[in-house]
Amino acid sequence: MDIIQLWEWQIPEAEIPDLVTRQRIGVINGLLYMPNPQMYDENLNTEEKLKIAETNSFVGRAQDLIVIVRRVPTGGKINIHKKFGFGDEDERSDRGQVRKMVNFALQQENINPQQCKVSILWTIGAQRFGNEWDVNIGNSHGSSGGSAIYLALLSALHQKPISRRVAATGALIMKEQKGIVNGQEIVLAPGTNLPIAGLREKTTACAEKGINHLVLSKYQTSPNLLVKKDEYNPSIKLTFEDYQTVIPPEIKEKMTVYWTKNIQELRELILGGKLS
């Protein structure tokens, strides 16, 4: 599926990043939060599946995220892997939000979006051939891949490498929102990096894969933990997991975390070579 998608985008082989080298250009470990594939294992009986559903219904997965940037005189375009979310044209959809974020990032870099072809691919990976359900057949939904896409995009634009042992997860917002930190209301400006769901499962997936550097939102850890009203239903308050309380000590002691507030701080990590 990965190869077919690259063929459809007409990406020359020479421009496809090397995924196995220690430092990669335009590639980062993105993190998924998905139903446990064991619940659908035909080799397990109903009782075993129910036990898994009760105790471990969701899991985290680390998956290569590739961003390829090609400079063109005119006719810029943003290609987004067809397995990424729903609703290609709706600006409120997953892919619609990614398009807005990529255009926003290019403008921040003083690059005309009409002079770039940007291709974004969540890979299944050859190692999962025959077992594609392990990463939900490459499907990725929700906004939590925003910071990973942004970092891989900057890596490709500026040819700054990212270590294979780095992962990122965070939701980048494109319009002003409000939140509460320590009982005080704050304004969250466009480009703010917000917390995500499935923190424990995603961090565990990092540890299992040997990833020991993690980029997270500053608002996902006490004393800066964020409480936020739902964007589409303000009567609902969202409380995010606190890294300090949900992550086991044996994982925390092995993990270096970069706490980032917004795209400016994400940019500093890339351009400063801190993720290489």
Protein backbone atom coordinates (compact mmCIF):
# COMPACT_ATOMS: atom_id res chain seq x y z
CA MET A 1 0.00 0.00 0.00
CA ASP A 2 2.86 2.39 0.79
CA ILE A 3 4.48 1.79 -2.62
CA ILE A 4 1.19 2.16 -4.49
CA GLN A 5 0.51 5.47 -2.79
CA LEU A 6 3.95 6.81 -3.75
CA TRP A 7 3.39 5.64 -7.34
CA GLU A 8 0.06 7.48 -7.46
CA TRP A 9 1.81 10.67 -6.32
CA GLN A 10 4.55 10.10 -8.93
CA ILE A 11 7.32 10.48 -6.35
CA PRO A 12 10.68 9.56 -7.93
CA GLU A 13 12.51 6.82 -6.05
CA ALA A 14 15.49 9.13 -5.50
CA GLU A 15 13.29 11.49 -3.46
CA ILE A 16 11.92 8.81 -1.11
CA PRO A 17 13.65 9.11 2.30
CA ASP A 18 15.82 6.32 3.68
CA LEU A 19 13.81 4.83 6.56
CA VAL A 20 16.49 2.55 8.00
CA THR A 21 19.31 5.02 8.55
CA ARG A 22 19.93 6.34 12.08
CA GLN A 23 19.08 9.92 11.14
CA ARG A 24 16.27 10.56 8.67
CA ILE A 25 15.16 13.58 6.64
CA GLY A 26 11.42 14.25 6.62
CA VAL A 27 10.67 11.16 8.71
CA ILE A 28 9.59 10.84 12.34
CA ASN A 29 7.91 8.27 14.54
CA GLY A 30 4.27 9.26 14.75
CA LEU A 31 2.06 7.66 17.40
CA LEU A 32 -1.31 5.95 17.00
CA TYR A 33 -4.00 5.16 19.57
CA MET A 34 -6.20 2.37 18.29
CA PRO A 35 -8.40 -0.59 19.25
CA ASN A 36 -6.38 -3.60 20.34
CA PRO A 37 -6.07 -5.83 17.23
CA GLN A 38 -6.08 -8.91 19.49
CA MET A 39 -9.82 -8.38 19.96
CA TYR A 40 -10.22 -9.36 16.29
CA ASP A 41 -7.78 -12.27 16.29
CA GLU A 42 -9.55 -15.27 14.76
CA ASN A 43 -7.29 -17.62 16.73
CA LEU A 44 -8.79 -16.43 20.04
CA ASN A 45 -12.14 -17.56 21.39
CA THR A 46 -14.91 -15.19 22.45
CA GLU A 47 -14.04 -15.40 26.16
CA GLU A 48 -10.40 -14.47 25.49
CA LYS A 49 -11.46 -11.54 23.28
CA LEU A 50 -13.87 -10.25 25.93
CA LYS A 51 -11.12 -10.37 28.56
CA ILE A 52 -8.85 -8.31 26.30
CA ALA A 53 -11.68 -5.83 25.66
CA GLU A 54 -12.21 -5.39 29.40
CA THR A 55 -8.56 -5.00 30.40
CA ASN A 56 -6.69 -3.64 27.39
CA SER A 57 -9.14 -2.48 24.74
CA PHE A 58 -6.84 0.20 23.28
CA VAL A 59 -3.14 0.12 22.43
CA GLY A 60 -0.51 2.53 21.17
CA ARG A 61 1.61 2.05 18.09
CA ALA A 62 4.67 3.85 16.72
CA GLN A 63 4.58 4.25 12.97
CA ASP A 64 6.84 6.04 10.49
CA LEU A 65 5.41 9.33 9.25
CA ILE A 66 6.97 10.62 6.02
CA VAL A 67 6.74 14.15 4.63
CA ILE A 68 8.24 14.70 1.16
CA VAL A 69 8.61 18.28 -0.10
CA ARG A 70 9.20 19.04 -3.78
CA ARG A 71 9.79 22.63 -4.92
CA VAL A 72 7.88 23.60 -8.09
CA PRO A 73 7.55 26.90 -10.02
CA THR A 74 3.74 26.82 -9.84
CA GLY A 75 0.89 24.44 -9.06
CA GLY A 76 1.66 23.60 -5.45
CA LYS A 77 -0.35 20.78 -3.93
CA ILE A 78 -0.75 18.91 -0.65
CA ASN A 79 -1.05 15.13 -1.01
CA ILE A 80 -2.37 13.37 2.09
CA HIS A 81 -2.37 9.60 2.40
CA LYS A 82 -5.87 8.30 1.67
CA LYS A 83 -5.77 6.31 4.92
CA PHE A 84 -5.47 9.51 6.94
CA GLY A 85 -8.82 10.43 8.41
CA PHE A 86 -11.99 11.27 6.53
CA GLY A 87 -13.41 14.08 4.41
CA ASP A 88 -10.73 15.36 2.05
CA GLU A 89 -12.44 18.68 1.30
CA ASP A 90 -14.21 19.52 4.57
CA GLU A 91 -11.99 21.98 6.46
CA ARG A 92 -13.21 20.51 9.78
CA SER A 93 -12.16 17.00 8.75
CA ASP A 94 -8.82 15.42 9.69
CA ARG A 95 -7.34 15.97 6.24
CA GLY A 96 -8.83 19.45 6.01
CA GLN A 97 -7.10 20.40 9.26
CA VAL A 98 -3.80 18.94 8.02
CA ARG A 99 -4.04 21.03 4.85
CA LYS A 100 -4.60 24.18 6.89
CA MET A 101 -1.68 23.32 9.17
CA VAL A 102 0.72 22.67 6.27
CA ASN A 103 -0.25 25.95 4.57
CA PHE A 104 0.14 27.75 7.90
CA ALA A 105 3.61 26.22 8.42
CA LEU A 106 4.76 27.14 4.89
CA GLN A 107 3.61 30.71 5.36
CA GLN A 108 5.47 30.88 8.69
CA GLU A 109 8.61 29.82 6.79
CA ASN A 110 7.97 32.55 4.17
CA ILE A 111 7.39 29.90 1.50
CA ASN A 112 4.65 30.28 -1.10
CA PRO A 113 2.38 27.20 -0.78
CA GLN A 114 1.83 27.40 -4.55
CA GLN A 115 5.51 26.57 -5.03
CA CYS A 116 5.59 23.37 -2.99
CA LYS A 117 4.23 19.89 -3.48
CA VAL A 118 3.95 18.33 -0.02
CA SER A 119 3.19 14.61 0.33
CA ILE A 120 2.29 13.09 3.71
CA LEU A 121 2.32 9.33 4.22
CA TRP A 122 1.72 7.23 7.32
CA THR A 123 3.59 4.05 6.40
CA ILE A 124 2.48 0.54 7.18
CA GLY A 125 6.05 -0.72 6.82
CA ALA A 126 7.47 -3.84 5.23
CA GLN A 127 7.90 -5.44 8.65
CA ARG A 128 4.10 -5.59 8.98
CA PHE A 129 3.49 -7.24 5.61
CA GLY A 130 0.83 -9.89 6.19
CA ASN A 131 -0.07 -8.38 9.55
CA GLU A 132 -1.36 -4.95 8.53
CA TRP A 133 -4.02 -4.90 11.24
CA ASP A 134 -1.24 -4.30 13.75
CA VAL A 135 -1.38 -0.65 12.71
CA ASN A 136 -5.05 -0.59 11.73
CA ILE A 137 -4.05 -1.03 8.05
CA GLY A 138 -2.41 2.36 8.13
CA ASN A 139 -5.52 4.30 9.14
CA SER A 140 -4.92 7.38 11.27
CA HIS A 141 -7.71 9.54 12.65
CA GLY A 142 -7.84 12.61 14.83
CA SER A 143 -5.60 15.64 15.23
CA SER A 144 -2.86 14.22 17.46
CA GLY A 145 -0.42 13.77 14.56
CA GLY A 146 -0.16 17.53 14.06
CA SER A 147 3.16 18.11 15.82
CA ALA A 148 4.75 15.06 14.15
CA ILE A 149 3.68 16.28 10.70
CA TYR A 150 4.98 19.77 11.47
CA LEU A 151 8.38 18.48 12.64
CA ALA A 152 8.78 16.16 9.63
CA LEU A 153 7.76 19.02 7.32
CA LEU A 154 10.42 21.33 8.76
CA SER A 155 12.97 18.51 8.60
CA ALA A 156 12.26 18.11 4.87
CA LEU A 157 12.19 21.86 4.16
CA HIS A 158 15.47 22.61 5.95
CA GLN A 159 17.17 19.22 5.43
CA LYS A 160 17.54 18.76 9.18
CA PRO A 161 17.72 15.10 10.28
CA ILE A 162 15.57 13.49 12.98
CA SER A 163 16.84 10.49 14.94
CA ARG A 164 15.00 7.18 14.60
CA ARG A 165 14.69 7.23 18.40
CA VAL A 166 12.46 10.34 18.39
CA ALA A 167 8.65 10.33 18.39
CA ALA A 168 6.15 13.18 18.57
CA THR A 169 2.46 13.57 19.32
CA GLY A 170 0.39 16.70 19.82
CA ALA A 171 -2.56 18.55 18.30
CA LEU A 172 -1.75 21.86 16.63
CA ILE A 173 -4.64 24.32 16.57
CA MET A 174 -5.17 26.74 13.70
CA LYS A 175 -7.49 29.20 15.42
CA GLU A 176 -7.62 30.82 18.84
CA GLN A 177 -9.16 28.79 21.67
CA LYS A 178 -9.43 29.14 25.42
CA GLY A 179 -8.37 26.79 28.17
CA ILE A 180 -7.80 26.61 31.91
CA VAL A 181 -4.45 26.00 33.62
CA ASN A 182 -4.23 26.01 37.43
CA GLY A 183 -7.73 27.45 37.61
CA GLN A 184 -6.84 30.42 35.40
CA GLU A 185 -8.31 30.94 31.94
CA ILE A 186 -5.68 31.34 29.22
CA VAL A 187 -5.82 32.11 25.51
CA LEU A 188 -4.42 29.41 23.23
CA ALA A 189 -3.14 31.13 20.09
CA PRO A 190 -2.98 29.56 16.60
CA GLY A 191 -0.02 27.21 16.48
CA THR A 192 -0.40 26.06 20.10
CA ASN A 193 0.52 22.41 20.68
CA LEU A 194 -2.30 20.75 22.65
CA PRO A 195 -2.35 17.49 24.66
CA ILE A 196 -3.61 14.21 23.19
CA ALA A 197 -5.55 11.11 24.21
CA GLY A 198 -3.96 7.71 24.83
CA LEU A 199 -0.81 9.11 26.42
CA ARG A 200 -0.01 5.98 28.46
CA GLU A 201 -0.50 3.64 25.51
CA LYS A 202 1.50 5.79 23.10
CA THR A 203 4.40 6.22 25.53
CA THR A 204 4.43 2.48 26.19
CA ALA A 205 4.60 1.87 22.42
CA CYS A 206 7.66 4.14 22.29
CA ALA A 207 9.41 2.22 25.04
CA GLU A 208 8.64 -1.11 23.36
CA LYS A 209 10.17 0.12 20.09
CA GLY A 210 13.31 1.55 21.71
CA ILE A 211 12.25 5.16 21.23
CA ASN A 212 13.63 7.23 24.11
CA HIS A 213 13.01 10.85 23.02
CA LEU A 214 9.44 12.10 22.99
CA VAL A 215 8.00 15.47 21.94
CA LEU A 216 4.84 16.35 23.89
CA SER A 217 2.67 19.33 24.70
CA LYS A 218 3.73 21.39 27.72
CA TYR A 219 0.06 21.28 28.70
CA GLN A 220 0.18 17.50 29.23
CA THR A 221 2.16 17.65 32.47
CA SER A 222 1.58 19.12 35.91
CA PRO A 223 1.76 21.91 36.96
CA ASN A 224 0.71 23.06 33.47
CA LEU A 225 -2.07 20.52 32.88
CA LEU A 226 -4.76 21.87 30.56
CA VAL A 227 -8.53 21.70 30.93
CA LYS A 228 -10.31 22.75 27.75
CA LYS A 229 -13.85 23.13 26.48
CA ASP A 230 -14.69 20.96 23.50
CA GLU A 231 -14.34 23.02 20.32
CA TYR A 232 -17.70 21.93 18.92
CA ASN A 233 -19.62 21.40 22.18
CA PRO A 234 -18.57 23.99 24.82
CA SER A 235 -20.68 22.27 27.48
CA ILE A 236 -18.14 19.43 27.50
CA LYS A 237 -14.86 19.96 29.38
CA LEU A 238 -11.84 17.94 28.29
CA THR A 239 -9.38 16.87 30.98
CA PHE A 240 -6.14 15.42 29.65
CA GLU A 241 -3.90 12.76 31.18
CA ASP A 242 -0.98 13.98 33.27
CA TYR A 243 2.34 12.51 32.14
CA GLN A 244 3.65 12.63 35.70
CA THR A 245 0.89 10.40 37.07
CA VAL A 246 -0.02 7.99 34.25
CA ILE A 247 3.42 6.98 32.96
CA PRO A 248 5.15 4.20 34.94
CA PRO A 249 8.43 5.23 36.65
CA GLU A 250 10.44 2.58 34.78
CA ILE A 251 9.46 4.21 31.46
CA LYS A 252 9.88 7.80 32.65
CA GLU A 253 13.45 7.20 33.79
CA LYS A 254 14.41 6.05 30.27
CA MET A 255 12.53 8.76 28.38
CA THR A 256 13.76 12.24 27.50
CA VAL A 257 10.73 14.48 26.97
CA TYR A 258 10.74 17.78 25.10
CA TRP A 259 7.87 19.87 26.47
CA THR A 260 6.65 22.25 23.77
CA LYS A 261 4.08 25.01 23.95
CA ASN A 262 3.72 25.95 20.28
CA ILE A 263 5.18 25.72 16.78
CA GLN A 264 7.91 28.22 17.66
CA GLU A 265 9.29 25.81 20.26
CA LEU A 266 8.86 22.86 17.87
CA ARG A 267 10.79 24.81 15.24
CA GLU A 268 13.63 25.45 17.68
CA LEU A 269 13.98 21.71 18.29
CA ILE A 270 14.45 21.06 14.56
CA LEU A 271 16.60 24.01 13.58
CA GLY A 272 18.68 23.69 16.74
CA GLY A 273 19.49 20.06 15.90
CA LYS A 274 18.08 18.82 19.23
CA LEU A 275 16.17 15.95 17.59
CA SER A 276 19.06 14.62 15.52
